[in-house]
Protein backbone atom coordinates (compact mmCIF):
# COMPACT_ATOMS: atom_id res chain seq x y z
CA MET A 1 -64.78 7.04 35.75
CA ALA A 2 -66.01 6.82 32.18
CA ARG A 3 -67.11 10.58 32.52
CA TRP A 4 -63.90 11.53 33.64
CA ARG A 5 -62.01 9.93 30.78
CA SER A 6 -64.21 11.10 28.47
CA THR A 7 -63.79 14.62 29.61
CA ARG A 8 -59.93 14.16 29.66
CA LEU A 9 -59.87 12.59 25.94
CA GLY A 10 -61.85 15.86 24.82
CA ALA A 11 -59.38 18.33 26.44
CA THR A 12 -56.41 16.15 24.96
CA LEU A 13 -58.08 16.27 21.68
CA GLY A 14 -58.62 19.79 21.83
CA ALA A 15 -55.03 20.81 22.99
CA VAL A 16 -53.83 18.54 19.99
CA GLY A 17 -55.90 20.60 17.45
CA LEU A 18 -55.10 23.91 18.91
CA VAL A 19 -51.42 22.88 18.36
CA TRP A 20 -51.92 21.91 14.98
CA MET A 21 -53.51 25.21 14.15
CA VAL A 22 -50.89 27.40 15.64
CA VAL A 23 -48.01 25.42 13.88
CA ALA A 24 -50.41 25.47 10.17
CA GLY A 25 -50.93 28.94 10.94
CA GLY A 26 -46.99 30.07 11.11
CA ALA A 27 -46.78 28.88 7.82
CA ALA A 28 -49.32 31.61 6.34
CA ALA A 29 -48.73 32.35 2.88
CA GLY A 30 -46.57 35.29 1.54
CA ASN A 31 -43.07 34.54 4.35
CA ASN A 32 -42.20 31.22 3.58
CA GLY A 33 -39.21 29.43 2.38
CA THR A 34 -35.08 30.45 2.25
CA LEU A 35 -32.83 31.61 -0.29
CA LYS A 36 -29.42 30.00 -0.91
CA VAL A 37 -26.25 30.83 -2.97
CA HIS A 38 -24.63 28.19 -4.79
CA ASP A 39 -21.24 27.89 -6.75
CA PRO A 40 -21.46 26.57 -10.43
CA GLY A 41 -21.89 22.57 -10.57
CA THR A 42 -23.64 22.47 -6.97
CA PRO A 43 -26.61 19.88 -7.67
CA THR A 44 -29.90 21.15 -8.44
CA GLY A 45 -32.08 21.10 -4.88
CA THR A 46 -29.28 21.46 -2.70
CA PRO A 47 -30.55 22.84 0.19
CA ASP A 48 -26.67 24.27 1.40
CA ASN A 49 -25.67 27.66 1.16
CA ASP A 50 -22.25 28.77 -0.16
CA PRO A 51 -21.47 32.09 1.51
CA SER A 52 -18.26 32.61 -0.54
CA VAL A 53 -18.53 31.87 -4.05
CA GLY A 54 -16.72 32.68 -7.36
CA CYS A 55 -17.87 35.38 -9.99
CA GLY A 56 -20.22 33.02 -11.30
CA PHE A 57 -23.08 31.22 -8.88
CA ASP A 58 -26.92 30.35 -8.73
CA LEU A 59 -29.44 31.28 -6.46
CA GLU A 60 -32.42 28.55 -5.27
CA ALA A 61 -35.45 29.13 -3.02
CA PHE A 62 -36.91 26.15 -1.04
CA GLY A 63 -40.09 26.25 0.47
CA LEU A 64 -41.79 29.53 -1.34
CA ASP A 65 -45.06 29.50 -1.77
CA VAL A 66 -46.80 27.78 -4.77
CA GLY A 67 -46.42 29.94 -8.03
CA GLN A 68 -44.66 32.73 -5.65
CA VAL A 69 -42.37 34.82 -8.25
CA GLY A 70 -40.18 37.65 -7.32
CA SER A 71 -37.49 39.81 -8.29
CA ILE A 72 -33.82 39.63 -7.05
CA ALA A 73 -31.68 42.55 -6.33
CA PHE A 74 -27.78 42.52 -5.57
CA THR A 75 -26.51 45.50 -3.35
CA VAL A 76 -23.03 45.79 -2.00
CA GLN A 77 -22.56 45.22 1.77
CA GLY A 78 -19.86 46.55 4.03
CA GLY A 79 -17.23 48.95 2.81
CA ASP A 80 -13.68 46.74 2.20
CA ASP A 81 -12.23 46.13 -0.69
CA PRO A 82 -12.80 45.21 -3.45
CA GLU A 83 -16.29 46.77 -2.99
CA GLY A 84 -18.44 45.20 -5.54
CA VAL A 85 -21.34 46.67 -8.06
CA GLY A 86 -25.15 46.48 -7.02
CA ALA A 87 -27.00 44.83 -10.03
CA ASP A 88 -30.52 43.84 -10.75
CA GLY A 89 -30.71 39.89 -11.12
CA GLY A 90 -33.67 39.42 -12.84
CA LEU A 91 -36.92 37.02 -11.90
CA LEU A 92 -36.99 33.97 -9.59
CA GLY A 93 -39.86 31.80 -9.84
CA PRO A 94 -42.56 30.89 -10.36
CA ALA A 95 -41.78 28.26 -7.35
CA ASP A 96 -43.32 24.89 -8.46
CA ALA A 97 -45.62 22.58 -6.28
CA THR A 98 -42.65 21.60 -3.85
CA GLY A 99 -41.95 25.48 -3.05
CA TYR A 100 -38.66 25.25 -5.50
CA ALA A 101 -37.53 28.14 -7.76
CA ALA A 102 -33.75 28.92 -9.55
CA ALA A 103 -32.22 31.74 -10.89
CA GLY A 104 -29.07 32.19 -12.58
CA PRO A 105 -25.94 32.00 -13.67
CA PHE A 106 -25.15 35.17 -12.27
CA ASP A 107 -21.67 37.31 -12.70
CA LEU A 108 -20.91 39.64 -10.25
CA PRO A 109 -17.23 41.18 -9.54
CA SER A 110 -15.62 40.21 -6.42
CA GLY A 111 -17.22 41.95 -3.32
CA HIS A 112 -19.67 41.43 -0.56
CA TYR A 113 -23.49 41.54 -1.66
CA LEU A 114 -27.00 41.15 -0.53
CA ALA A 115 -29.17 39.03 -2.55
CA THR A 116 -32.94 40.03 -2.12
CA LEU A 117 -35.71 38.54 -3.28
CA TYR A 118 -38.84 40.79 -3.38
CA GLY A 119 -42.23 39.56 -3.89
CA LYS A 120 -43.72 39.12 -0.52
CA ASP A 121 -47.54 38.77 -0.45
CA GLY A 122 -47.58 39.32 -4.14
CA ALA A 123 -46.00 42.94 -3.85
CA ALA A 124 -43.51 43.61 -6.04
CA ASP A 125 -41.34 46.34 -3.87
CA VAL A 126 -41.81 44.16 -0.39
CA LYS A 127 -38.77 42.09 0.67
CA ALA A 128 -39.47 38.10 0.86
CA LYS A 129 -36.06 36.94 1.76
CA SER A 130 -32.29 37.75 1.57
CA LYS A 131 -28.73 36.18 1.81
CA VAL A 132 -25.54 37.98 2.66
CA PHE A 133 -22.57 36.29 0.53
CA LYS A 134 -19.10 37.08 -1.11
CA VAL A 135 -17.87 37.05 -4.42
CA THR A 136 -14.25 36.53 -4.98
CA CYS A 137 -13.02 36.28 -8.40
CA ASP A 138 -10.06 34.86 -10.10
CA ASN A 139 -9.18 37.63 -12.12
CA PRO A 140 -9.17 41.15 -10.12
CA GLY A 141 -11.39 42.37 -12.87
CA GLY A 142 -13.92 39.86 -13.16
CA GLY A 143 -17.54 39.96 -13.23
CA GLY A 144 -19.72 41.52 -15.69
CA GLY A 145 -22.99 42.42 -13.42
CA GLY A 146 -26.03 40.05 -12.68
CA GLY A 147 -26.98 37.53 -15.21
CA GLY A 148 -30.63 36.48 -16.30
CA GLY A 149 -32.91 35.53 -14.21
CA GLY A 150 -34.07 32.00 -14.75
CA GLY A 151 -36.61 29.42 -14.10
CA GLN A 152 -37.00 26.70 -12.23
CA GLY A 153 -34.14 24.30 -12.08
């Protein structure tokens, strides 16, 4: 009976260890985190996303690898009016000890955009994260292109 308990305990501990390794391996360096778009005035560190923002907005990233740095690019999405204008967004990062980084403010004309963070696995031209969003400016000609990249907020 004691031998059966010992074998069962060993099998249970082995299964728990295997599950832990799979979970830990799922968070491999280089493809962690999420990118969020925020209206100005959104409290720093808010993990919510604002898929429709005004001309001015910020980007925040959560759960990145510590020290991760990447470049931001804004490309036009869709084809409906207003069309928008693609822009270089500068740099995001380096991510702090919690994996947080922020950039902005940015100022783009009305349109649908894809914000792409490049820098997966340290490769400057490999996409790490992206987010689709809509910019609606109060004035029809608003926006003036990408703003400067920023550091942590």
